[in-house]
């Protein structure tokens, strides 16, 4: 996996900025997936941006929920036990429709409940001791570019609308 691409540096920079500015903030990575049919290709669904982002999340101790891992069988088996098929969830190979947003939201709600419960059970009765601890030192970045605070965070949709950005002239 290549950790020198601007996309990876942008993602790592975003996580580093959040940690630096709000070191006690809770974070959860929510990895969606490009559902391309890649039949008969090696590493069929596991050589993706999600895998690179997962490495970054693990580096910084950020739990990550994978839609690919949670819904792989449902997305590719039209007669699955849930009665869900990809065409009802996605409007294209990446973006969800209204029903898909509800499905993703339910996974996200489950993951948040799971993480909160895990955290409360793990740290029960240790809050005073934990709050007295110093914030751990920031790990060295995986991508050297991510150490730059002024590195722009990557957003594919943002690049598409960049030509329409105008200076703020105030309310008119």
Protein backbone atom coordinates (compact mmCIF):
# COMPACT_ATOMS: atom_id res chain seq x y z
CA UNK A 1 0.00 0.00 0.00
CA UNK A 2 1.21 3.44 -0.85
CA UNK A 3 1.21 6.00 1.94
CA UNK A 4 2.70 8.81 -0.08
CA UNK A 5 -0.39 9.73 -2.07
CA UNK A 6 -2.07 13.08 -1.40
CA UNK A 7 -5.32 11.32 -0.47
CA UNK A 8 -3.65 9.31 2.30
CA UNK A 9 -1.71 12.33 3.52
CA UNK A 10 -4.91 14.37 3.57
CA UNK A 11 -6.77 11.75 5.61
CA UNK A 12 -3.93 11.36 8.07
CA UNK A 13 -3.59 15.14 8.36
CA UNK A 14 -7.29 15.44 9.15
CA UNK A 15 -6.98 12.89 11.97
CA UNK A 16 -3.82 14.57 13.28
CA UNK A 17 -5.55 17.98 13.26
CA UNK A 18 -8.49 16.64 15.24
CA UNK A 19 -6.21 14.96 17.78
CA UNK A 20 -4.06 18.08 18.10
CA UNK A 21 -6.99 20.47 18.54
CA UNK A 22 -9.23 18.19 20.63
CA UNK A 23 -7.06 15.46 22.17
CA UNK A 24 -9.89 13.98 24.25
CA UNK A 25 -12.43 13.90 21.40
CA UNK A 26 -13.95 10.54 20.56
CA UNK A 27 -13.51 9.53 16.93
CA UNK A 28 -14.89 6.73 14.80
CA UNK A 29 -13.80 6.05 11.23
CA UNK A 30 -16.73 5.12 9.00
CA UNK A 31 -15.41 3.46 5.87
CA UNK A 32 -17.71 3.26 2.90
CA UNK A 33 -16.72 1.40 -0.21
CA UNK A 34 -16.83 1.63 -3.99
CA UNK A 35 -18.96 -1.38 -4.95
CA UNK A 36 -17.43 -2.24 -8.31
CA UNK A 37 -17.76 -5.71 -9.69
CA UNK A 38 -14.16 -6.87 -9.95
CA UNK A 39 -14.77 -10.52 -10.71
CA UNK A 40 -11.72 -12.69 -11.38
CA UNK A 41 -9.25 -10.07 -10.14
CA UNK A 42 -6.72 -10.78 -7.39
CA UNK A 43 -7.43 -9.01 -4.10
CA UNK A 44 -10.90 -8.40 -5.43
CA UNK A 45 -12.35 -6.09 -2.78
CA UNK A 46 -9.43 -5.66 -0.45
CA UNK A 47 -7.02 -3.33 -2.22
CA UNK A 48 -8.93 -0.11 -1.74
CA UNK A 49 -8.72 3.29 -0.11
CA UNK A 50 -10.59 1.80 2.84
CA UNK A 51 -7.61 -0.42 3.57
CA UNK A 52 -5.22 2.54 3.51
CA UNK A 53 -7.52 4.58 5.74
CA UNK A 54 -7.79 1.60 8.09
CA UNK A 55 -4.02 1.58 8.56
CA UNK A 56 -4.14 5.29 9.42
CA UNK A 57 -7.00 4.75 11.89
CA UNK A 58 -5.14 1.91 13.62
CA UNK A 59 -2.01 4.06 13.84
CA UNK A 60 -3.91 6.69 15.85
CA UNK A 61 -6.14 4.34 17.83
CA UNK A 62 -9.30 5.37 16.02
CA UNK A 63 -11.84 2.53 15.78
CA UNK A 64 -13.21 2.09 12.28
CA UNK A 65 -16.44 0.59 11.04
CA UNK A 66 -16.33 -0.95 7.58
CA UNK A 67 -19.48 -0.98 5.47
CA UNK A 68 -17.68 -3.38 3.12
CA UNK A 69 -17.03 -5.87 5.91
CA UNK A 70 -20.52 -5.49 7.37
CA UNK A 71 -22.45 -5.74 4.10
CA UNK A 72 -20.22 -7.61 1.67
CA UNK A 73 -22.50 -10.63 1.27
CA UNK A 74 -25.70 -8.57 1.10
CA UNK A 75 -24.29 -6.33 -1.63
CA UNK A 76 -23.36 -9.23 -3.90
CA UNK A 77 -26.03 -11.82 -3.13
CA UNK A 78 -29.39 -10.60 -4.44
CA UNK A 79 -31.28 -13.37 -2.62
CA UNK A 80 -29.75 -12.81 0.83
CA UNK A 81 -31.63 -13.49 4.04
CA UNK A 82 -32.21 -9.76 4.67
CA UNK A 83 -33.90 -9.16 1.33
CA UNK A 84 -31.60 -6.23 0.67
CA UNK A 85 -29.95 -5.64 -2.65
CA UNK A 86 -27.40 -3.15 -3.80
CA UNK A 87 -29.75 -1.35 -6.18
CA UNK A 88 -31.98 -0.40 -3.23
CA UNK A 89 -29.05 0.97 -1.22
CA UNK A 90 -26.88 2.76 -3.79
CA UNK A 91 -27.68 5.27 -6.52
CA UNK A 92 -24.30 4.59 -8.18
CA UNK A 93 -21.21 2.60 -7.16
CA UNK A 94 -20.44 4.86 -4.16
CA UNK A 95 -23.32 7.10 -3.11
CA UNK A 96 -26.31 5.94 -1.11
CA UNK A 97 -29.92 6.83 -1.76
CA UNK A 98 -32.50 7.50 0.95
CA UNK A 99 -32.90 3.84 1.89
CA UNK A 100 -29.11 3.34 1.82
CA UNK A 101 -28.65 6.33 4.14
CA UNK A 102 -31.01 4.65 6.62
CA UNK A 103 -29.07 1.38 6.36
CA UNK A 104 -25.71 3.14 6.81
CA UNK A 105 -27.12 5.22 9.68
CA UNK A 106 -28.27 2.08 11.48
CA UNK A 107 -24.77 0.59 11.16
CA UNK A 108 -23.26 3.84 12.40
CA UNK A 109 -25.68 4.01 15.35
CA UNK A 110 -24.80 0.42 16.27
CA UNK A 111 -21.07 1.19 16.09
CA UNK A 112 -21.45 4.29 18.28
CA UNK A 113 -23.48 2.39 20.89
CA UNK A 114 -20.92 -0.41 20.82
CA UNK A 115 -17.97 1.95 21.29
CA UNK A 116 -19.65 3.93 24.07
CA UNK A 117 -20.61 0.75 25.92
CA UNK A 118 -17.11 -0.67 25.48
CA UNK A 119 -15.56 2.54 26.73
CA UNK A 120 -17.84 2.80 29.76
CA UNK A 121 -17.28 -0.83 30.75
CA UNK A 122 -13.52 -0.58 30.25
CA UNK A 123 -13.07 2.68 32.13
CA UNK A 124 -15.72 2.19 34.82
CA UNK A 125 -14.49 3.75 38.08
CA UNK A 126 -11.25 5.01 36.53
CA UNK A 127 -12.39 8.43 35.29
CA UNK A 128 -10.49 10.45 37.89
CA UNK A 129 -7.27 8.54 37.22
CA UNK A 130 -7.75 8.84 33.45
CA UNK A 131 -8.44 12.57 33.53
CA UNK A 132 -5.28 13.12 35.58
CA UNK A 133 -3.16 11.41 32.94
CA UNK A 134 -1.34 13.47 30.38
CA UNK A 135 -2.34 13.24 26.73
CA UNK A 136 -0.15 10.65 24.98
CA UNK A 137 2.44 11.93 22.54
CA UNK A 138 1.36 12.12 18.89
CA UNK A 139 2.84 9.21 16.92
CA UNK A 140 5.08 9.98 13.97
CA UNK A 141 3.05 10.22 10.77
CA UNK A 142 2.93 7.33 8.32
CA UNK A 143 3.10 9.83 5.47
CA UNK A 144 5.73 12.57 5.93
CA UNK A 145 3.43 15.04 4.19
CA UNK A 146 0.87 14.51 6.97
CA UNK A 147 3.18 16.26 9.44
CA UNK A 148 2.53 19.54 7.64
CA UNK A 149 -0.26 21.41 9.41
CA UNK A 150 -1.08 23.40 6.28
CA UNK A 151 -1.57 20.34 4.05
CA UNK A 152 -5.05 20.57 2.54
CA UNK A 153 -7.34 17.75 3.59
CA UNK A 154 -8.48 15.79 0.56
CA UNK A 155 -12.07 15.81 -0.58
CA UNK A 156 -12.90 14.54 -4.06
CA UNK A 157 -16.22 16.36 -4.13
CA UNK A 158 -14.47 19.54 -2.96
CA UNK A 159 -12.08 19.39 -5.90
CA UNK A 160 -15.04 19.26 -8.28
CA UNK A 161 -16.57 22.47 -6.96
CA UNK A 162 -13.28 24.36 -6.51
CA UNK A 163 -13.85 26.35 -9.73
CA UNK A 164 -17.08 27.73 -8.22
CA UNK A 165 -15.53 29.02 -5.00
CA UNK A 166 -15.92 32.78 -4.56
CA UNK A 167 -14.57 35.19 -1.99
CA UNK A 168 -16.91 35.89 0.90
CA UNK A 169 -18.42 39.32 0.36
CA UNK A 170 -20.65 39.13 3.41
CA UNK A 171 -24.44 38.86 3.47
CA UNK A 172 -26.16 40.59 0.60
